[in-house]
Amino acid sequence: MAHGQSILITGATSGIGREAALRLARAGHLVLAGGRRPDALAALARAAEGRLEPVTLDVTDPASVEAARGLVEGRTGGRGLDVLVNNAGYALPGPLEALAERDLRQLFDTNVFGLLAVTRAFVPAMRERGQGRVVNVGSIMGRVAMPMLGAYNASKHAVAAMTDALRMELAPFGITVVLVEPGAVRTGFAATALAGLAPYRDPDSPYAAALAGTDGAWARAYRLAPGPASAGRAVARAATSDRPAPRYVVPARNRLVVAALTALPTRAADAAKRRIMGLRPPGG
């Protein structure tokens, strides 16, 4: 892809989205960085030394999505986006039995329905032009299911399925659809996710011991996790490569993790996942 592409990134104020936005802006692309918080957007613009344009965008708010679409239309002279990067999302750990319905709905509103709403807003201009690209940021947790992460797993499995379907549906119109699947990345993502567990930390809960094990598992995973640079590079590559791969698993070593957990017989995989997440075996 040539320089000077117009690229909208949702969830661009932190973590992988921020890394990708800065990288693409410094490469000379017109980066429209979406986020909900004006202060965080202003900080991002300063970090980019004015090379990107902040866009206030809440993917769960139809009016906000439509306003962003109108802004992009004006900024691109009616041409529309070259690349949409759907990065906005978060994790909600905890036992599926105990998670409040409002929390589950909010998770899916952001991770799944928000992603689809933004895609629907920007794909028509790409389709009419006969060219464009959509990059969805999923997770290796969209390949496997882990205990105490069922809600997040389900949302990222949905993202993976939608990406696969969109890749086939939009190909006849010249639109490429790519999925980036990071593993654990050392950002504020984990802290935000664990903070979401606060309402469920009842010492009398039957899941109290399981939650304690989950805390330890997250601490171990993120202590060894890389920063967002590799995932940011993968997003930038997916957005700008002339022939992007359909999927990017990052870091590359996570391919082995996914392959191992999906190749094992179900009982063996379940046991391995329980150990990873610090859960006692049945009857233990």
C-alpha atoms as a PDB file:
ATOM      1  CA  MET A   1       0.000   0.000   0.000  1.00  0.00           C
ATOM      2  CA  ALA A   2       1.203   3.485  -0.803  1.00  0.00           C
ATOM      3  CA  HIS A   3       1.928   6.164   1.758  1.00  0.00           C
ATOM      4  CA  GLY A   4      -0.800   8.614   2.597  1.00  0.00           C
ATOM      5  CA  GLN A   5      -3.552   6.087   3.243  1.00  0.00           C
ATOM      6  CA  SER A   6      -6.457   7.231   5.412  1.00  0.00           C
ATOM      7  CA  ILE A   7      -6.656   4.939   8.443  1.00  0.00           C
ATOM      8  CA  LEU A   8      -9.138   5.037  11.338  1.00  0.00           C
ATOM      9  CA  ILE A   9      -8.143   3.157  14.499  1.00  0.00           C
ATOM     10  CA  THR A  10     -10.676   2.595  17.267  1.00  0.00           C
ATOM     11  CA  GLY A  11      -9.435   2.289  20.845  1.00  0.00           C
ATOM     12  CA  ALA A  12      -6.299   4.192  19.866  1.00  0.00           C
ATOM     13  CA  THR A  13      -5.486   5.880  23.180  1.00  0.00           C
ATOM     14  CA  SER A  14      -3.712   2.977  24.875  1.00  0.00           C
ATOM     15  CA  GLY A  15      -1.946  -0.317  24.369  1.00  0.00           C
ATOM     16  CA  ILE A  16      -1.880  -1.900  20.933  1.00  0.00           C
ATOM     17  CA  GLY A  17      -4.074   0.776  19.353  1.00  0.00           C
ATOM     18  CA  ARG A  18      -1.800   3.556  20.548  1.00  0.00           C
ATOM     19  CA  GLU A  19       1.325   1.771  19.342  1.00  0.00           C
ATOM     20  CA  ALA A  20      -0.203   1.147  15.911  1.00  0.00           C
ATOM     21  CA  ALA A  21      -1.505   4.723  15.611  1.00  0.00           C
ATOM     22  CA  LEU A  22       1.897   6.246  16.362  1.00  0.00           C
ATOM     23  CA  ARG A  23       3.700   3.826  14.051  1.00  0.00           C
ATOM     24  CA  LEU A  24       1.351   4.475  11.117  1.00  0.00           C
ATOM     25  CA  ALA A  25       1.320   8.243  11.657  1.00  0.00           C
ATOM     26  CA  ARG A  26       5.112   8.355  11.669  1.00  0.00           C
ATOM     27  CA  ALA A  27       5.092   6.369   8.415  1.00  0.00           C
ATOM     28  CA  GLY A  28       3.212   9.206   6.751  1.00  0.00           C
ATOM     29  CA  HIS A  29      -0.368   7.941   6.755  1.00  0.00           C
ATOM     30  CA  LEU A  30      -3.397  10.031   7.646  1.00  0.00           C
ATOM     31  CA  VAL A  31      -4.277   8.435  10.983  1.00  0.00           C
ATOM     32  CA  LEU A  32      -7.619   9.225  12.569  1.00  0.00           C
ATOM     33  CA  ALA A  33      -7.245   8.021  16.152  1.00  0.00           C
ATOM     34  CA  GLY A  34     -10.518   7.114  17.825  1.00  0.00           C
ATOM     35  CA  GLY A  35     -11.150   7.058  21.560  1.00  0.00           C
ATOM     36  CA  ARG A  36     -13.737   8.005  24.157  1.00  0.00           C
ATOM     37  CA  ARG A  37     -11.644  10.273  26.388  1.00  0.00           C
ATOM     38  CA  PRO A  38     -10.668  13.723  25.068  1.00  0.00           C
ATOM     39  CA  ASP A  39      -7.779  14.000  27.536  1.00  0.00           C
ATOM     40  CA  ALA A  40      -6.274  10.697  26.380  1.00  0.00           C
ATOM     41  CA  LEU A  41      -6.752  11.700  22.752  1.00  0.00           C
ATOM     42  CA  ALA A  42      -4.991  15.003  23.392  1.00  0.00           C
ATOM     43  CA  ALA A  43      -2.074  13.170  25.017  1.00  0.00           C
ATOM     44  CA  LEU A  44      -1.846  10.842  22.023  1.00  0.00           C
ATOM     45  CA  ALA A  45      -1.818  13.775  19.609  1.00  0.00           C
ATOM     46  CA  ARG A  46       1.039  15.338  21.579  1.00  0.00           C
ATOM     47  CA  ALA A  47       2.990  12.081  21.507  1.00  0.00           C
ATOM     48  CA  ALA A  48       2.530  11.975  17.735  1.00  0.00           C
ATOM     49  CA  GLU A  49       3.768  15.569  17.442  1.00  0.00           C
ATOM     50  CA  GLY A  50       0.660  16.558  15.509  1.00  0.00           C
ATOM     51  CA  ARG A  51       0.994  13.773  12.929  1.00  0.00           C
ATOM     52  CA  LEU A  52      -2.396  12.235  13.674  1.00  0.00           C
ATOM     53  CA  GLU A  53      -5.916  13.526  14.158  1.00  0.00           C
ATOM     54  CA  PRO A  54      -7.917  12.630  17.274  1.00  0.00           C
ATOM     55  CA  VAL A  55     -11.531  11.538  16.811  1.00  0.00           C
ATOM     56  CA  THR A  56     -13.896  11.258  19.767  1.00  0.00           C
ATOM     57  CA  LEU A  57     -15.536   7.887  19.191  1.00  0.00           C
ATOM     58  CA  ASP A  58     -17.541   5.532  21.383  1.00  0.00           C
ATOM     59  CA  VAL A  59     -18.161   2.374  19.361  1.00  0.00           C
ATOM     60  CA  THR A  60     -21.240   1.538  21.464  1.00  0.00           C
ATOM     61  CA  ASP A  61     -22.969   4.852  20.681  1.00  0.00           C
ATOM     62  CA  PRO A  62     -24.653   4.991  17.232  1.00  0.00           C
ATOM     63  CA  ALA A  63     -24.611   8.806  17.220  1.00  0.00           C
ATOM     64  CA  SER A  64     -20.877   8.825  17.956  1.00  0.00           C
ATOM     65  CA  VAL A  65     -20.197   6.304  15.181  1.00  0.00           C
ATOM     66  CA  GLU A  66     -22.239   8.342  12.704  1.00  0.00           C
ATOM     67  CA  ALA A  67     -20.445  11.543  13.720  1.00  0.00           C
ATOM     68  CA  ALA A  68     -17.093   9.826  13.122  1.00  0.00           C
ATOM     69  CA  ARG A  69     -18.289   8.635   9.721  1.00  0.00           C
ATOM     70  CA  GLY A  70     -19.285  12.171   8.788  1.00  0.00           C
ATOM     71  CA  LEU A  71     -15.937  13.535   9.967  1.00  0.00           C
ATOM     72  CA  VAL A  72     -14.065  10.977   7.871  1.00  0.00           C
ATOM     73  CA  GLU A  73     -16.193  11.744   4.820  1.00  0.00           C
ATOM     74  CA  GLY A  74     -15.346  15.424   5.189  1.00  0.00           C
ATOM     75  CA  ARG A  75     -11.668  14.818   5.890  1.00  0.00           C
ATOM     76  CA  THR A  76     -11.262  12.529   2.859  1.00  0.00           C
ATOM     77  CA  GLY A  77     -13.341  14.611   0.454  1.00  0.00           C
ATOM     78  CA  GLY A  78     -16.095  12.004   0.363  1.00  0.00           C
ATOM     79  CA  ARG A  79     -13.736   9.189  -0.621  1.00  0.00           C
ATOM     80  CA  GLY A  80     -13.987   7.371   2.690  1.00  0.00           C
ATOM     81  CA  LEU A  81     -11.414   5.318   4.541  1.00  0.00           C
ATOM     82  CA  ASP A  82      -8.685   3.262   2.969  1.00  0.00           C
ATOM     83  CA  VAL A  83      -8.261   1.193   6.146  1.00  0.00           C
ATOM     84  CA  LEU A  84     -10.423   0.617   9.225  1.00  0.00           C
ATOM     85  CA  VAL A  85      -8.700  -0.888  12.267  1.00  0.00           C
ATOM     86  CA  ASN A  86     -11.207  -2.231  14.804  1.00  0.00           C
ATOM     87  CA  ASN A  87      -9.116  -2.312  17.961  1.00  0.00           C
ATOM     88  CA  ALA A  88     -11.481  -1.137  20.720  1.00  0.00           C
ATOM     89  CA  GLY A  89     -12.151  -3.871  23.268  1.00  0.00           C
ATOM     90  CA  TYR A  90     -11.507  -5.110  26.779  1.00  0.00           C
ATOM     91  CA  ALA A  91     -11.595  -8.269  28.903  1.00  0.00           C
ATOM     92  CA  LEU A  92     -14.037  -9.289  31.614  1.00  0.00           C
ATOM     93  CA  PRO A  93     -12.620 -12.193  33.630  1.00  0.00           C
ATOM     94  CA  GLY A  94     -14.702 -14.154  36.083  1.00  0.00           C
ATOM     95  CA  PRO A  95     -16.952 -17.215  36.331  1.00  0.00           C
ATOM     96  CA  LEU A  96     -19.772 -17.218  33.816  1.00  0.00           C
ATOM     97  CA  GLU A  97     -22.295 -18.218  36.469  1.00  0.00           C
ATOM     98  CA  ALA A  98     -21.544 -15.132  38.543  1.00  0.00           C
ATOM     99  CA  LEU A  99     -21.021 -12.385  35.954  1.00  0.00           C
ATOM    100  CA  ALA A 100     -23.816  -9.815  35.972  1.00  0.00           C
ATOM    101  CA  GLU A 101     -25.902  -9.626  32.820  1.00  0.00           C
ATOM    102  CA  ARG A 102     -25.274  -5.888  32.493  1.00  0.00           C
ATOM    103  CA  ASP A 103     -21.512  -6.517  32.517  1.00  0.00           C
ATOM    104  CA  LEU A 104     -21.830  -9.250  29.907  1.00  0.00           C
ATOM    105  CA  ARG A 105     -23.954  -7.049  27.659  1.00  0.00           C
ATOM    106  CA  GLN A 106     -21.515  -4.157  27.974  1.00  0.00           C
ATOM    107  CA  LEU A 107     -18.631  -6.454  27.025  1.00  0.00           C
ATOM    108  CA  PHE A 108     -20.413  -7.692  23.905  1.00  0.00           C
ATOM    109  CA  ASP A 109     -21.623  -4.190  23.043  1.00  0.00           C
ATOM    110  CA  THR A 110     -18.000  -3.080  22.817  1.00  0.00           C
ATOM    111  CA  ASN A 111     -16.124  -6.147  21.592  1.00  0.00           C
ATOM    112  CA  VAL A 112     -18.696  -7.497  19.124  1.00  0.00           C
ATOM    113  CA  PHE A 113     -21.622  -5.209  18.320  1.00  0.00           C
ATOM    114  CA  GLY A 114     -19.504  -2.051  18.456  1.00  0.00           C
ATOM    115  CA  LEU A 115     -16.976  -3.585  16.065  1.00  0.00           C
ATOM    116  CA  LEU A 116     -19.758  -4.540  13.661  1.00  0.00           C
ATOM    117  CA  ALA A 117     -21.429  -1.123  13.905  1.00  0.00           C
ATOM    118  CA  VAL A 118     -18.207   0.688  13.004  1.00  0.00           C
ATOM    119  CA  THR A 119     -17.541  -1.757  10.164  1.00  0.00           C
ATOM    120  CA  ARG A 120     -21.028  -1.217   8.752  1.00  0.00           C
ATOM    121  CA  ALA A 121     -20.511   2.538   8.899  1.00  0.00           C
ATOM    122  CA  PHE A 122     -17.313   2.557   6.836  1.00  0.00           C
ATOM    123  CA  VAL A 123     -17.512  -0.445   4.500  1.00  0.00           C
ATOM    124  CA  PRO A 124     -20.121   1.004   2.084  1.00  0.00           C
ATOM    125  CA  ALA A 125     -17.722   3.703   0.827  1.00  0.00           C
ATOM    126  CA  MET A 126     -15.012   1.058   0.355  1.00  0.00           C
ATOM    127  CA  ARG A 127     -17.443  -1.190  -1.514  1.00  0.00           C
ATOM    128  CA  GLU A 128     -18.593   1.588  -3.826  1.00  0.00           C
ATOM    129  CA  ARG A 129     -14.961   2.481  -4.525  1.00  0.00           C
ATOM    130  CA  GLY A 130     -14.003  -1.155  -5.066  1.00  0.00           C
ATOM    131  CA  GLN A 131     -11.086  -0.989  -2.643  1.00  0.00           C
ATOM    132  CA  GLY A 132     -10.427  -0.981   1.081  1.00  0.00           C
ATOM    133  CA  ARG A 133      -9.257  -2.927   4.087  1.00  0.00           C
ATOM    134  CA  VAL A 134     -10.653  -3.883   7.488  1.00  0.00           C
ATOM    135  CA  VAL A 135      -8.288  -5.038  10.231  1.00  0.00           C
ATOM    136  CA  ASN A 136      -9.909  -6.592  13.298  1.00  0.00           C
ATOM    137  CA  VAL A 137      -7.890  -7.017  16.475  1.00  0.00           C
ATOM    138  CA  GLY A 138      -8.968 -10.265  18.075  1.00  0.00           C
ATOM    139  CA  SER A 139      -7.011 -12.485  20.450  1.00  0.00           C
ATOM    140  CA  ILE A 140      -5.565 -15.969  20.677  1.00  0.00           C
ATOM    141  CA  MET A 141      -8.387 -16.352  23.189  1.00  0.00           C
ATOM    142  CA  GLY A 142     -10.599 -16.396  20.100  1.00  0.00           C
ATOM    143  CA  ARG A 143      -8.998 -19.754  19.274  1.00  0.00           C
ATOM    144  CA  VAL A 144      -9.196 -21.461  22.666  1.00  0.00           C
ATOM    145  CA  ALA A 145     -11.490 -21.225  25.683  1.00  0.00           C
ATOM    146  CA  MET A 146     -10.023 -20.763  29.163  1.00  0.00           C
ATOM    147  CA  PRO A 147     -11.756 -21.078  32.524  1.00  0.00           C
ATOM    148  CA  MET A 148     -12.570 -17.769  34.191  1.00  0.00           C
ATOM    149  CA  LEU A 149     -12.320 -16.045  30.809  1.00  0.00           C
ATOM    150  CA  GLY A 150     -15.429 -17.490  29.179  1.00  0.00           C
ATOM    151  CA  ALA A 151     -17.127 -14.166  28.440  1.00  0.00           C
ATOM    152  CA  TYR A 152     -14.025 -12.652  26.864  1.00  0.00           C
ATOM    153  CA  ASN A 153     -13.355 -15.909  24.977  1.00  0.00           C
ATOM    154  CA  ALA A 154     -16.890 -15.857  23.588  1.00  0.00           C
ATOM    155  CA  SER A 155     -16.565 -12.252  22.418  1.00  0.00           C
ATOM    156  CA  LYS A 156     -13.255 -12.926  20.677  1.00  0.00           C
ATOM    157  CA  HIS A 157     -14.527 -16.176  19.135  1.00  0.00           C
ATOM    158  CA  ALA A 158     -17.338 -14.037  17.721  1.00  0.00           C
ATOM    159  CA  VAL A 159     -14.826 -11.531  16.343  1.00  0.00           C
ATOM    160  CA  ALA A 160     -12.878 -14.351  14.681  1.00  0.00           C
ATOM    161  CA  ALA A 161     -16.035 -15.808  13.121  1.00  0.00           C
ATOM    162  CA  MET A 162     -17.245 -12.418  11.889  1.00  0.00           C
ATOM    163  CA  THR A 163     -13.813 -11.686  10.431  1.00  0.00           C
ATOM    164  CA  ASP A 164     -13.780 -14.984   8.541  1.00  0.00           C
ATOM    165  CA  ALA A 165     -17.267 -14.317   7.155  1.00  0.00           C
ATOM    166  CA  LEU A 166     -16.494 -10.699   6.236  1.00  0.00           C
ATOM    167  CA  ARG A 167     -13.272 -11.763   4.498  1.00  0.00           C
ATOM    168  CA  MET A 168     -15.296 -13.942   2.124  1.00  0.00           C
ATOM    169  CA  GLU A 169     -18.304 -11.626   1.781  1.00  0.00           C
ATOM    170  CA  LEU A 170     -16.305  -8.494   0.997  1.00  0.00           C
ATOM    171  CA  ALA A 171     -13.617 -10.007  -1.238  1.00  0.00           C
ATOM    172  CA  PRO A 172     -15.732  -9.624  -4.424  1.00  0.00           C
ATOM    173  CA  PHE A 173     -15.839  -5.871  -3.748  1.00  0.00           C
ATOM    174  CA  GLY A 174     -12.071  -5.486  -3.480  1.00  0.00           C
ATOM    175  CA  ILE A 175     -12.071  -5.241   0.308  1.00  0.00           C
ATOM    176  CA  THR A 176      -9.456  -7.211   2.254  1.00  0.00           C
ATOM    177  CA  VAL A 177     -10.282  -8.315   5.808  1.00  0.00           C
ATOM    178  CA  VAL A 178      -7.522  -9.298   8.231  1.00  0.00           C
ATOM    179  CA  LEU A 179      -7.496 -10.641  11.787  1.00  0.00           C
ATOM    180  CA  VAL A 180      -4.656  -9.834  14.216  1.00  0.00           C
ATOM    181  CA  GLU A 181      -4.563 -12.211  17.199  1.00  0.00           C
ATOM    182  CA  PRO A 182      -2.293 -11.066  20.042  1.00  0.00           C
ATOM    183  CA  GLY A 183      -1.560 -13.068  23.140  1.00  0.00           C
ATOM    184  CA  ALA A 184      -0.799 -11.459  26.484  1.00  0.00           C
ATOM    185  CA  VAL A 185       0.634  -7.975  25.956  1.00  0.00           C
ATOM    186  CA  ARG A 186       2.068  -5.895  28.791  1.00  0.00           C
ATOM    187  CA  THR A 187      -0.162  -2.817  28.796  1.00  0.00           C
ATOM    188  CA  GLY A 188      -2.864  -1.483  31.095  1.00  0.00           C
ATOM    189  CA  PHE A 189      -5.197  -4.136  29.638  1.00  0.00           C
ATOM    190  CA  ALA A 190      -4.663  -6.673  32.431  1.00  0.00           C
ATOM    191  CA  ALA A 191      -5.036  -4.149  35.240  1.00  0.00           C
ATOM    192  CA  THR A 192      -8.293  -2.891  33.763  1.00  0.00           C
ATOM    193  CA  ALA A 193      -9.580  -6.429  33.372  1.00  0.00           C
ATOM    194  CA  LEU A 194      -8.733  -7.438  36.933  1.00  0.00           C
ATOM    195  CA  ALA A 195     -10.283  -4.233  38.252  1.00  0.00           C
ATOM    196  CA  GLY A 196     -13.509  -5.408  36.660  1.00  0.00           C
ATOM    197  CA  LEU A 197     -13.436  -8.397  39.010  1.00  0.00           C
ATOM    198  CA  ALA A 198     -13.833  -6.188  42.092  1.00  0.00           C
ATOM    199  CA  PRO A 199     -17.631  -6.620  42.387  1.00  0.00           C
ATOM    200  CA  TYR A 200     -17.201 -10.408  42.317  1.00  0.00           C
ATOM    201  CA  ARG A 201     -14.536 -10.771  45.012  1.00  0.00           C
ATOM    202  CA  ASP A 202     -16.768 -12.117  47.749  1.00  0.00           C
ATOM    203  CA  PRO A 203     -14.754 -14.249  50.196  1.00  0.00           C
ATOM    204  CA  ASP A 204     -17.864 -16.381  50.719  1.00  0.00           C
ATOM    205  CA  SER A 205     -18.264 -17.062  47.005  1.00  0.00           C
ATOM    206  CA  PRO A 206     -17.826 -20.666  45.864  1.00  0.00           C
ATOM    207  CA  TYR A 207     -15.450 -19.203  43.269  1.00  0.00           C
ATOM    208  CA  ALA A 208     -13.211 -17.381  45.771  1.00  0.00           C
ATOM    209  CA  ALA A 209     -10.379 -19.916  45.480  1.00  0.00           C
ATOM    210  CA  ALA A 210     -10.704 -19.979  41.693  1.00  0.00           C
ATOM    211  CA  LEU A 211     -10.432 -16.205  41.501  1.00  0.00           C
ATOM    212  CA  ALA A 212      -7.306 -16.284  43.646  1.00  0.00           C
ATOM    213  CA  GLY A 213      -5.796 -18.797  41.237  1.00  0.00           C
ATOM    214  CA  THR A 214      -6.745 -16.556  38.315  1.00  0.00           C
ATOM    215  CA  ASP A 215      -4.948 -13.615  39.914  1.00  0.00           C
ATOM    216  CA  GLY A 216      -1.779 -15.674  40.079  1.00  0.00           C
ATOM    217  CA  ALA A 217      -2.150 -16.877  36.492  1.00  0.00           C
ATOM    218  CA  TRP A 218      -2.562 -13.324  35.183  1.00  0.00           C
ATOM    219  CA  ALA A 219       0.435 -12.152  37.195  1.00  0.00           C
ATOM    220  CA  ARG A 220       2.612 -14.925  35.733  1.00  0.00           C
ATOM    221  CA  ALA A 221       1.407 -14.385  32.150  1.00  0.00           C
ATOM    222  CA  TYR A 222       1.872 -10.626  32.155  1.00  0.00           C
ATOM    223  CA  ARG A 223       5.201 -10.687  34.007  1.00  0.00           C
ATOM    224  CA  LEU A 224       6.708 -12.459  30.979  1.00  0.00           C
ATOM    225  CA  ALA A 225       4.576 -10.760  28.325  1.00  0.00           C
ATOM    226  CA  PRO A 226       6.110  -8.436  25.738  1.00  0.00           C
ATOM    227  CA  GLY A 227       5.122  -4.797  25.438  1.00  0.00           C
ATOM    228  CA  PRO A 228       2.750  -3.632  22.711  1.00  0.00           C
ATOM    229  CA  ALA A 229       5.444  -3.030  20.077  1.00  0.00           C
ATOM    230  CA  SER A 230       5.187  -6.425  18.349  1.00  0.00           C
ATOM    231  CA  ALA A 231       1.392  -6.335  18.229  1.00  0.00           C
ATOM    232  CA  GLY A 232       1.483  -2.724  17.027  1.00  0.00           C
ATOM    233  CA  ARG A 233       3.857  -3.738  14.237  1.00  0.00           C
ATOM    234  CA  ALA A 234       1.526  -6.572  13.263  1.00  0.00           C
ATOM    235  CA  VAL A 235      -1.451  -4.217  13.070  1.00  0.00           C
ATOM    236  CA  ALA A 236       0.558  -1.769  10.953  1.00  0.00           C
ATOM    237  CA  ARG A 237       1.670  -4.596   8.678  1.00  0.00           C
ATOM    238  CA  ALA A 238      -1.886  -5.884   8.354  1.00  0.00           C
ATOM    239  CA  ALA A 239      -3.061  -2.361   7.509  1.00  0.00           C
ATOM    240  CA  THR A 240      -0.444  -1.506   4.897  1.00  0.00           C
ATOM    241  CA  SER A 241       1.025  -4.676   3.375  1.00  0.00           C
ATOM    242  CA  ASP A 242       0.342  -5.169  -0.325  1.00  0.00           C
ATOM    243  CA  ARG A 243      -0.601  -8.809   0.350  1.00  0.00           C
ATOM    244  CA  PRO A 244      -1.510  -9.161   4.017  1.00  0.00           C
ATOM    245  CA  ALA A 245      -1.956 -12.577   5.565  1.00  0.00           C
ATOM    246  CA  PRO A 246      -5.534 -13.439   6.566  1.00  0.00           C
ATOM    247  CA  ARG A 247      -4.360 -13.825  10.192  1.00  0.00           C
ATOM    248  CA  TYR A 248      -1.416 -12.620  12.258  1.00  0.00           C
ATOM    249  CA  VAL A 249      -0.732 -14.387  15.572  1.00  0.00           C
ATOM    250  CA  VAL A 250       1.620 -12.296  17.727  1.00  0.00           C
ATOM    251  CA  PRO A 251       4.125 -12.836  19.174  1.00  0.00           C
ATOM    252  CA  ALA A 252       4.906 -15.735  16.822  1.00  0.00           C
ATOM    253  CA  ARG A 253       5.550 -18.124  19.721  1.00  0.00           C
ATOM    254  CA  ASN A 254       1.831 -18.015  20.502  1.00  0.00           C
ATOM    255  CA  ARG A 255       1.252 -20.150  17.421  1.00  0.00           C
ATOM    256  CA  LEU A 256       2.775 -23.042  19.358  1.00  0.00           C
ATOM    257  CA  VAL A 257       0.527 -22.368  22.359  1.00  0.00           C
ATOM    258  CA  VAL A 258      -2.599 -22.344  20.195  1.00  0.00           C
ATOM    259  CA  ALA A 259      -1.483 -25.428  18.264  1.00  0.00           C
ATOM    260  CA  ALA A 260      -0.768 -27.388  21.447  1.00  0.00           C
ATOM    261  CA  LEU A 261      -4.025 -26.511  23.187  1.00  0.00           C
ATOM    262  CA  THR A 262      -6.145 -27.228  20.124  1.00  0.00           C
ATOM    263  CA  ALA A 263      -4.369 -30.500  19.257  1.00  0.00           C
ATOM    264  CA  LEU A 264      -4.721 -32.109  22.678  1.00  0.00           C
ATOM    265  CA  PRO A 265      -7.692 -34.381  23.414  1.00  0.00           C
ATOM    266  CA  THR A 266     -10.418 -32.431  25.188  1.00  0.00           C
ATOM    267  CA  ARG A 267      -9.855 -33.897  28.672  1.00  0.00           C
ATOM    268  CA  ALA A 268      -6.109 -33.323  28.457  1.00  0.00           C
ATOM    269  CA  ALA A 269      -6.629 -29.783  27.161  1.00  0.00           C
ATOM    270  CA  ASP A 270      -9.102 -29.046  29.968  1.00  0.00           C
ATOM    271  CA  ALA A 271      -6.616 -30.256  32.570  1.00  0.00           C
ATOM    272  CA  ALA A 272      -3.814 -28.171  31.067  1.00  0.00           C
ATOM    273  CA  LYS A 273      -5.982 -25.055  30.984  1.00  0.00           C
ATOM    274  CA  ARG A 274      -7.079 -25.532  34.599  1.00  0.00           C
ATOM    275  CA  ARG A 275      -3.428 -25.755  35.630  1.00  0.00           C
ATOM    276  CA  ILE A 276      -2.550 -22.642  33.639  1.00  0.00           C
ATOM    277  CA  MET A 277      -5.336 -20.712  35.341  1.00  0.00           C
ATOM    278  CA  GLY A 278      -4.455 -22.012  38.819  1.00  0.00           C
ATOM    279  CA  LEU A 279      -7.682 -24.004  39.330  1.00  0.00           C
ATOM    280  CA  ARG A 280      -7.831 -27.081  41.504  1.00  0.00           C
ATOM    281  CA  PRO A 281      -8.560 -30.348  39.712  1.00  0.00           C
ATOM    282  CA  PRO A 282     -12.057 -31.832  40.174  1.00  0.00           C
ATOM    283  CA  GLY A 283     -12.325 -33.217  43.699  1.00  0.00           C
ATOM    284  CA  GLY A 284      -9.037 -31.517  44.639  1.00  0.00           C
END
